[in-house]
Amino acid sequence: MKKIYITRKFPSIAKELLSKKFIVEENLENRNLTREELIQIVKNFDGVLPSVFDCFDQEVLSQKLKL
């Protein structure tokens, strides 16, 4: 099963719906993630549900082999 990461607090319905088809992990601290954390997330998850606070620049996105 593919893995999805939720970077910030979203309404619980988002996790509920995603959990039906994906393994879902989330940022329980609801804080801004560092560039290093985003890079690790991109490397280790199949998808990301980001917020407007996340900076997915070229360096971060280049870590993902399959987009």
N, C-alpha and C. Protein backbone atom coordinates (compact mmCIF):
# COMPACT_ATOMS: atom_id res chain seq x y z
N MET A 1 0.84 -1.18 0.00
CA MET A 1 0.00 0.00 0.00
C MET A 1 0.89 1.25 0.00
N LYS A 2 0.52 2.24 -0.78
CA LYS A 2 1.32 3.46 -0.88
C LYS A 2 1.17 4.32 0.38
N LYS A 3 2.23 5.11 0.64
CA LYS A 3 2.27 5.94 1.85
C LYS A 3 2.11 7.42 1.50
N ILE A 4 1.27 8.12 2.29
CA ILE A 4 1.02 9.55 2.12
C ILE A 4 1.40 10.25 3.42
N TYR A 5 1.99 11.44 3.30
CA TYR A 5 2.33 12.24 4.48
C TYR A 5 1.54 13.54 4.45
N ILE A 6 0.88 13.87 5.56
CA ILE A 6 0.15 15.13 5.71
C ILE A 6 1.03 16.07 6.53
N THR A 7 1.41 17.21 5.95
CA THR A 7 2.41 18.07 6.58
C THR A 7 1.88 18.98 7.69
N ARG A 8 0.60 19.27 7.70
CA ARG A 8 0.01 20.15 8.73
C ARG A 8 -1.35 19.59 9.14
N LYS A 9 -1.93 20.20 10.15
CA LYS A 9 -3.24 19.75 10.61
C LYS A 9 -4.30 20.10 9.56
N PHE A 10 -5.00 19.08 9.10
CA PHE A 10 -6.11 19.23 8.16
C PHE A 10 -7.36 18.71 8.87
N PRO A 11 -8.52 19.00 8.37
CA PRO A 11 -9.73 18.40 8.97
C PRO A 11 -9.60 16.88 9.01
N SER A 12 -10.11 16.26 10.05
CA SER A 12 -9.95 14.82 10.24
C SER A 12 -10.51 14.00 9.08
N ILE A 13 -11.44 14.56 8.33
CA ILE A 13 -12.02 13.84 7.19
C ILE A 13 -10.94 13.55 6.13
N ALA A 14 -9.94 14.43 6.02
CA ALA A 14 -8.86 14.21 5.04
C ALA A 14 -8.12 12.91 5.35
N LYS A 15 -7.72 12.73 6.61
CA LYS A 15 -7.02 11.51 6.98
C LYS A 15 -7.94 10.31 6.87
N GLU A 16 -9.18 10.48 7.27
CA GLU A 16 -10.15 9.38 7.20
C GLU A 16 -10.31 8.87 5.77
N LEU A 17 -10.48 9.77 4.82
CA LEU A 17 -10.66 9.37 3.43
C LEU A 17 -9.39 8.78 2.84
N LEU A 18 -8.25 9.41 3.10
CA LEU A 18 -6.98 8.90 2.58
C LEU A 18 -6.65 7.52 3.14
N SER A 19 -6.99 7.29 4.39
CA SER A 19 -6.67 6.02 5.06
C SER A 19 -7.37 4.82 4.43
N LYS A 20 -8.39 5.07 3.65
CA LYS A 20 -9.10 3.97 3.00
C LYS A 20 -8.26 3.35 1.88
N LYS A 21 -7.33 4.14 1.31
CA LYS A 21 -6.54 3.64 0.18
C LYS A 21 -5.03 3.74 0.39
N PHE A 22 -4.60 4.43 1.45
CA PHE A 22 -3.18 4.67 1.67
C PHE A 22 -2.82 4.49 3.14
N ILE A 23 -1.54 4.26 3.39
CA ILE A 23 -1.01 4.36 4.74
C ILE A 23 -0.74 5.85 4.95
N VAL A 24 -1.29 6.42 6.00
CA VAL A 24 -1.20 7.87 6.21
C VAL A 24 -0.42 8.16 7.48
N GLU A 25 0.56 9.05 7.36
CA GLU A 25 1.26 9.58 8.51
C GLU A 25 1.11 11.09 8.45
N GLU A 26 1.22 11.73 9.61
CA GLU A 26 1.03 13.18 9.63
C GLU A 26 1.92 13.85 10.65
N ASN A 27 2.08 15.14 10.47
CA ASN A 27 2.85 15.99 11.36
C ASN A 27 1.96 16.31 12.57
N LEU A 28 2.05 15.52 13.60
CA LEU A 28 1.19 15.68 14.77
C LEU A 28 1.49 16.94 15.57
N GLU A 29 2.70 17.48 15.41
CA GLU A 29 3.07 18.70 16.12
C GLU A 29 2.52 19.95 15.44
N ASN A 30 2.05 19.81 14.20
CA ASN A 30 1.46 20.92 13.44
C ASN A 30 2.40 22.13 13.39
N ARG A 31 3.66 21.86 13.15
CA ARG A 31 4.67 22.93 13.06
C ARG A 31 5.25 22.94 11.65
N ASN A 32 5.91 24.03 11.31
CA ASN A 32 6.59 24.09 10.02
C ASN A 32 7.71 23.06 10.00
N LEU A 33 7.79 22.31 8.92
CA LEU A 33 8.84 21.31 8.77
C LEU A 33 10.09 21.95 8.15
N THR A 34 11.25 21.47 8.54
CA THR A 34 12.49 21.99 7.99
C THR A 34 12.70 21.43 6.59
N ARG A 35 13.61 22.04 5.85
CA ARG A 35 13.95 21.54 4.52
C ARG A 35 14.45 20.09 4.61
N GLU A 36 15.25 19.79 5.61
CA GLU A 36 15.77 18.43 5.77
C GLU A 36 14.63 17.44 6.02
N GLU A 37 13.65 17.83 6.83
CA GLU A 37 12.51 16.96 7.08
C GLU A 37 11.70 16.74 5.79
N LEU A 38 11.49 17.81 5.02
CA LEU A 38 10.75 17.68 3.76
C LEU A 38 11.48 16.76 2.78
N ILE A 39 12.80 16.86 2.74
CA ILE A 39 13.59 15.99 1.87
C ILE A 39 13.40 14.53 2.27
N GLN A 40 13.45 14.24 3.56
CA GLN A 40 13.25 12.86 4.02
C GLN A 40 11.84 12.36 3.71
N ILE A 41 10.86 13.24 3.85
CA ILE A 41 9.47 12.87 3.54
C ILE A 41 9.35 12.55 2.06
N VAL A 42 9.91 13.40 1.20
CA VAL A 42 9.83 13.18 -0.24
C VAL A 42 10.51 11.87 -0.62
N LYS A 43 11.61 11.56 0.03
CA LYS A 43 12.33 10.31 -0.26
C LYS A 43 11.56 9.08 0.19
N ASN A 44 10.83 9.18 1.29
CA ASN A 44 10.26 8.00 1.93
C ASN A 44 8.76 7.79 1.73
N PHE A 45 8.08 8.75 1.12
CA PHE A 45 6.64 8.63 0.93
C PHE A 45 6.29 8.71 -0.56
N ASP A 46 5.18 8.10 -0.90
CA ASP A 46 4.72 8.11 -2.29
C ASP A 46 4.00 9.40 -2.64
N GLY A 47 3.46 10.08 -1.64
CA GLY A 47 2.74 11.32 -1.88
C GLY A 47 2.74 12.19 -0.64
N VAL A 48 2.49 13.47 -0.85
CA VAL A 48 2.47 14.44 0.25
C VAL A 48 1.25 15.33 0.08
N LEU A 49 0.54 15.54 1.19
CA LEU A 49 -0.54 16.52 1.22
C LEU A 49 0.02 17.73 1.96
N PRO A 50 0.51 18.74 1.22
CA PRO A 50 1.19 19.87 1.84
C PRO A 50 0.22 21.00 2.20
N SER A 51 0.77 21.98 2.90
CA SER A 51 0.03 23.22 3.17
C SER A 51 0.80 24.36 2.50
N VAL A 52 0.24 25.54 2.56
CA VAL A 52 0.88 26.70 1.91
C VAL A 52 2.18 27.08 2.60
N PHE A 53 2.43 26.56 3.79
CA PHE A 53 3.65 26.89 4.53
C PHE A 53 4.85 26.06 4.12
N ASP A 54 4.63 24.99 3.37
CA ASP A 54 5.72 24.08 2.99
C ASP A 54 6.43 24.59 1.74
N CYS A 55 7.76 24.56 1.79
CA CYS A 55 8.56 25.05 0.66
C CYS A 55 9.13 23.85 -0.11
N PHE A 56 8.40 23.44 -1.14
CA PHE A 56 8.86 22.35 -1.99
C PHE A 56 9.56 22.96 -3.20
N ASP A 57 10.83 23.31 -2.99
CA ASP A 57 11.60 23.92 -4.06
C ASP A 57 12.29 22.82 -4.89
N GLN A 58 13.10 23.23 -5.85
CA GLN A 58 13.76 22.28 -6.74
C GLN A 58 14.63 21.30 -5.98
N GLU A 59 15.34 21.77 -4.96
CA GLU A 59 16.21 20.88 -4.20
C GLU A 59 15.40 19.77 -3.51
N VAL A 60 14.28 20.13 -2.92
CA VAL A 60 13.45 19.14 -2.23
C VAL A 60 12.84 18.17 -3.24
N LEU A 61 12.24 18.70 -4.29
CA LEU A 61 11.56 17.84 -5.28
C LEU A 61 12.53 16.95 -6.04
N SER A 62 13.77 17.38 -6.20
CA SER A 62 14.74 16.56 -6.95
C SER A 62 15.11 15.28 -6.22
N GLN A 63 14.75 15.19 -4.95
CA GLN A 63 15.06 13.99 -4.16
C GLN A 63 14.11 12.83 -4.49
N LYS A 64 12.99 13.14 -5.14
CA LYS A 64 12.00 12.12 -5.47
C LYS A 64 12.30 11.58 -6.86
N LEU A 65 12.48 10.28 -6.96
CA LEU A 65 12.80 9.69 -8.25
C LEU A 65 11.58 9.62 -9.16
N LYS A 66 10.40 9.38 -8.58
CA LYS A 66 9.18 9.27 -9.36
C LYS A 66 8.18 10.31 -8.87
N LEU A 67 7.81 11.22 -9.76
CA LEU A 67 6.80 12.22 -9.39
C LEU A 67 5.53 11.97 -10.15
